[in-house]
Structures are given as structure tokens and as C-alpha cells.
Amino acid sequence: MLLMWFVTPFGPVLPARGTEQRMNLAVAVLLYRMEHSVTNQVLALGPVPPRPP
């Protein structure tokens, strides 16, 4: 079962063309989520941070 935050931007199946580029992007998003403690189950990068005053 794939997570919604993954399926929304990347789709349920990687395409035959550009697979390596898509995989690299997926790994980058996963690392971002881990480094920034993103727990949102729908948005891959989490909610938009508030604007500074």
C-alpha cells in the first residue's frame, strides 16, 4: 500500500521513461520529510509554513 502523500505527486506506478529522475525526486522528498519531521499524510512537503511578520 502506497501512502497518499507519495501517490499524489508521483502516481501509483513509475513511468517507463524518466524513472531514475522520478526515483531521485522521491528520495529527496522522503529525506525532506524525515529531516523536517513532516507527518502530514496528504501533502508530500507538509503545510505551507507561516510567513514571517
N, C-alpha and C. Protein backbone atom coordinates (compact mmCIF):
# COMPACT_ATOMS: atom_id res chain seq x y z
N MET A 1 0.83 -1.18 0.00
CA MET A 1 0.00 0.00 0.00
C MET A 1 0.88 1.24 0.00
N LEU A 2 0.63 2.14 -0.94
CA LEU A 2 1.38 3.39 -1.02
C LEU A 2 0.69 4.47 -0.21
N LEU A 3 1.47 5.35 0.34
CA LEU A 3 0.94 6.45 1.14
C LEU A 3 0.40 7.55 0.23
N MET A 4 -0.66 8.21 0.68
CA MET A 4 -1.30 9.26 -0.12
C MET A 4 -0.32 10.37 -0.47
N TRP A 5 0.55 10.76 0.47
CA TRP A 5 1.48 11.84 0.17
C TRP A 5 2.46 11.45 -0.93
N PHE A 6 2.66 10.16 -1.14
CA PHE A 6 3.56 9.69 -2.19
C PHE A 6 2.82 9.56 -3.52
N VAL A 7 1.62 9.00 -3.48
CA VAL A 7 0.86 8.74 -4.70
C VAL A 7 0.41 10.03 -5.38
N THR A 8 0.05 11.05 -4.59
CA THR A 8 -0.46 12.30 -5.17
C THR A 8 0.56 12.95 -6.12
N PRO A 9 1.81 13.18 -5.71
CA PRO A 9 2.74 13.81 -6.64
C PRO A 9 3.41 12.85 -7.62
N PHE A 10 3.57 11.58 -7.25
CA PHE A 10 4.34 10.67 -8.09
C PHE A 10 3.51 9.65 -8.85
N GLY A 11 2.27 9.44 -8.46
CA GLY A 11 1.42 8.44 -9.11
C GLY A 11 1.64 7.07 -8.52
N PRO A 12 0.73 6.14 -8.81
CA PRO A 12 0.83 4.80 -8.22
C PRO A 12 1.94 3.93 -8.84
N VAL A 13 2.33 4.27 -10.07
CA VAL A 13 3.36 3.47 -10.77
C VAL A 13 4.32 4.43 -11.46
N LEU A 14 5.60 4.14 -11.35
CA LEU A 14 6.59 4.96 -12.05
C LEU A 14 6.52 4.70 -13.55
N PRO A 15 6.68 5.74 -14.37
CA PRO A 15 6.61 5.57 -15.82
C PRO A 15 7.85 4.85 -16.36
N ALA A 16 7.73 4.33 -17.56
CA ALA A 16 8.84 3.62 -18.19
C ALA A 16 9.97 4.59 -18.53
N ARG A 17 9.63 5.83 -18.84
CA ARG A 17 10.64 6.84 -19.19
C ARG A 17 10.82 7.79 -18.02
N GLY A 18 12.03 8.19 -17.76
CA GLY A 18 12.31 9.14 -16.70
C GLY A 18 12.21 8.54 -15.30
N THR A 19 12.34 7.21 -15.22
CA THR A 19 12.19 6.53 -13.93
C THR A 19 13.28 6.96 -12.95
N GLU A 20 14.51 7.04 -13.39
CA GLU A 20 15.60 7.40 -12.49
C GLU A 20 15.41 8.80 -11.92
N GLN A 21 15.00 9.74 -12.76
CA GLN A 21 14.77 11.10 -12.30
C GLN A 21 13.64 11.14 -11.27
N ARG A 22 12.56 10.40 -11.53
CA ARG A 22 11.43 10.34 -10.60
C ARG A 22 11.85 9.69 -9.28
N MET A 23 12.63 8.64 -9.34
CA MET A 23 13.09 7.98 -8.12
C MET A 23 13.98 8.91 -7.29
N ASN A 24 14.86 9.66 -7.95
CA ASN A 24 15.71 10.61 -7.25
C ASN A 24 14.87 11.68 -6.56
N LEU A 25 13.84 12.15 -7.22
CA LEU A 25 12.95 13.15 -6.63
C LEU A 25 12.19 12.56 -5.44
N ALA A 26 11.72 11.33 -5.57
CA ALA A 26 11.01 10.66 -4.48
C ALA A 26 11.91 10.50 -3.26
N VAL A 27 13.16 10.15 -3.47
CA VAL A 27 14.11 10.01 -2.36
C VAL A 27 14.35 11.37 -1.71
N ALA A 28 14.48 12.43 -2.52
CA ALA A 28 14.68 13.77 -1.98
C ALA A 28 13.49 14.19 -1.12
N VAL A 29 12.28 13.90 -1.57
CA VAL A 29 11.08 14.24 -0.79
C VAL A 29 11.05 13.44 0.50
N LEU A 30 11.38 12.17 0.44
CA LEU A 30 11.41 11.34 1.64
C LEU A 30 12.43 11.87 2.65
N LEU A 31 13.61 12.24 2.19
CA LEU A 31 14.62 12.79 3.08
C LEU A 31 14.16 14.12 3.69
N TYR A 32 13.51 14.96 2.88
CA TYR A 32 12.99 16.23 3.39
C TYR A 32 11.98 15.97 4.51
N ARG A 33 11.08 15.00 4.28
CA ARG A 33 10.07 14.68 5.29
C ARG A 33 10.72 14.21 6.59
N MET A 34 11.77 13.42 6.48
CA MET A 34 12.45 12.92 7.66
C MET A 34 13.20 14.05 8.38
N GLU A 35 13.93 14.87 7.63
CA GLU A 35 14.73 15.95 8.22
C GLU A 35 13.87 17.01 8.90
N HIS A 36 12.66 17.24 8.35
CA HIS A 36 11.80 18.31 8.87
C HIS A 36 10.61 17.76 9.65
N SER A 37 10.64 16.49 9.97
CA SER A 37 9.60 15.85 10.77
C SER A 37 8.19 16.10 10.22
N VAL A 38 8.05 15.99 8.91
CA VAL A 38 6.74 16.17 8.28
C VAL A 38 5.91 14.93 8.54
N THR A 39 4.74 15.11 9.11
CA THR A 39 3.86 13.98 9.41
C THR A 39 2.54 14.06 8.66
N ASN A 40 2.35 15.08 7.84
CA ASN A 40 1.12 15.23 7.08
C ASN A 40 0.94 14.01 6.17
N GLN A 41 -0.23 13.41 6.20
CA GLN A 41 -0.48 12.18 5.43
C GLN A 41 -0.93 12.44 4.00
N VAL A 42 -1.20 13.71 3.66
CA VAL A 42 -1.69 14.03 2.31
C VAL A 42 -0.69 14.85 1.51
N LEU A 43 -0.11 15.88 2.13
CA LEU A 43 0.81 16.77 1.44
C LEU A 43 2.25 16.28 1.58
N ALA A 44 2.90 16.06 0.46
CA ALA A 44 4.25 15.49 0.49
C ALA A 44 5.24 16.33 1.28
N LEU A 45 5.16 17.66 1.17
CA LEU A 45 6.09 18.53 1.87
C LEU A 45 5.46 19.15 3.11
N GLY A 46 4.26 18.74 3.45
CA GLY A 46 3.58 19.29 4.62
C GLY A 46 2.92 20.61 4.29
N PRO A 47 2.30 21.23 5.29
CA PRO A 47 1.62 22.51 5.04
C PRO A 47 2.62 23.62 4.76
N VAL A 48 2.14 24.66 4.12
CA VAL A 48 2.97 25.82 3.82
C VAL A 48 3.31 26.50 5.14
N PRO A 49 4.59 26.79 5.37
CA PRO A 49 4.96 27.44 6.63
C PRO A 49 4.39 28.85 6.68
N PRO A 50 4.13 29.35 7.90
CA PRO A 50 3.60 30.72 8.01
C PRO A 50 4.63 31.74 7.55
N ARG A 51 4.12 32.84 7.03
CA ARG A 51 5.01 33.93 6.59
C ARG A 51 5.55 34.66 7.80
N PRO A 52 6.82 35.02 7.77
CA PRO A 52 7.37 35.79 8.89
C PRO A 52 6.71 37.18 8.93
N PRO A 53 6.61 37.75 10.11
CA PRO A 53 5.96 39.08 10.22
C PRO A 53 6.75 40.17 9.55
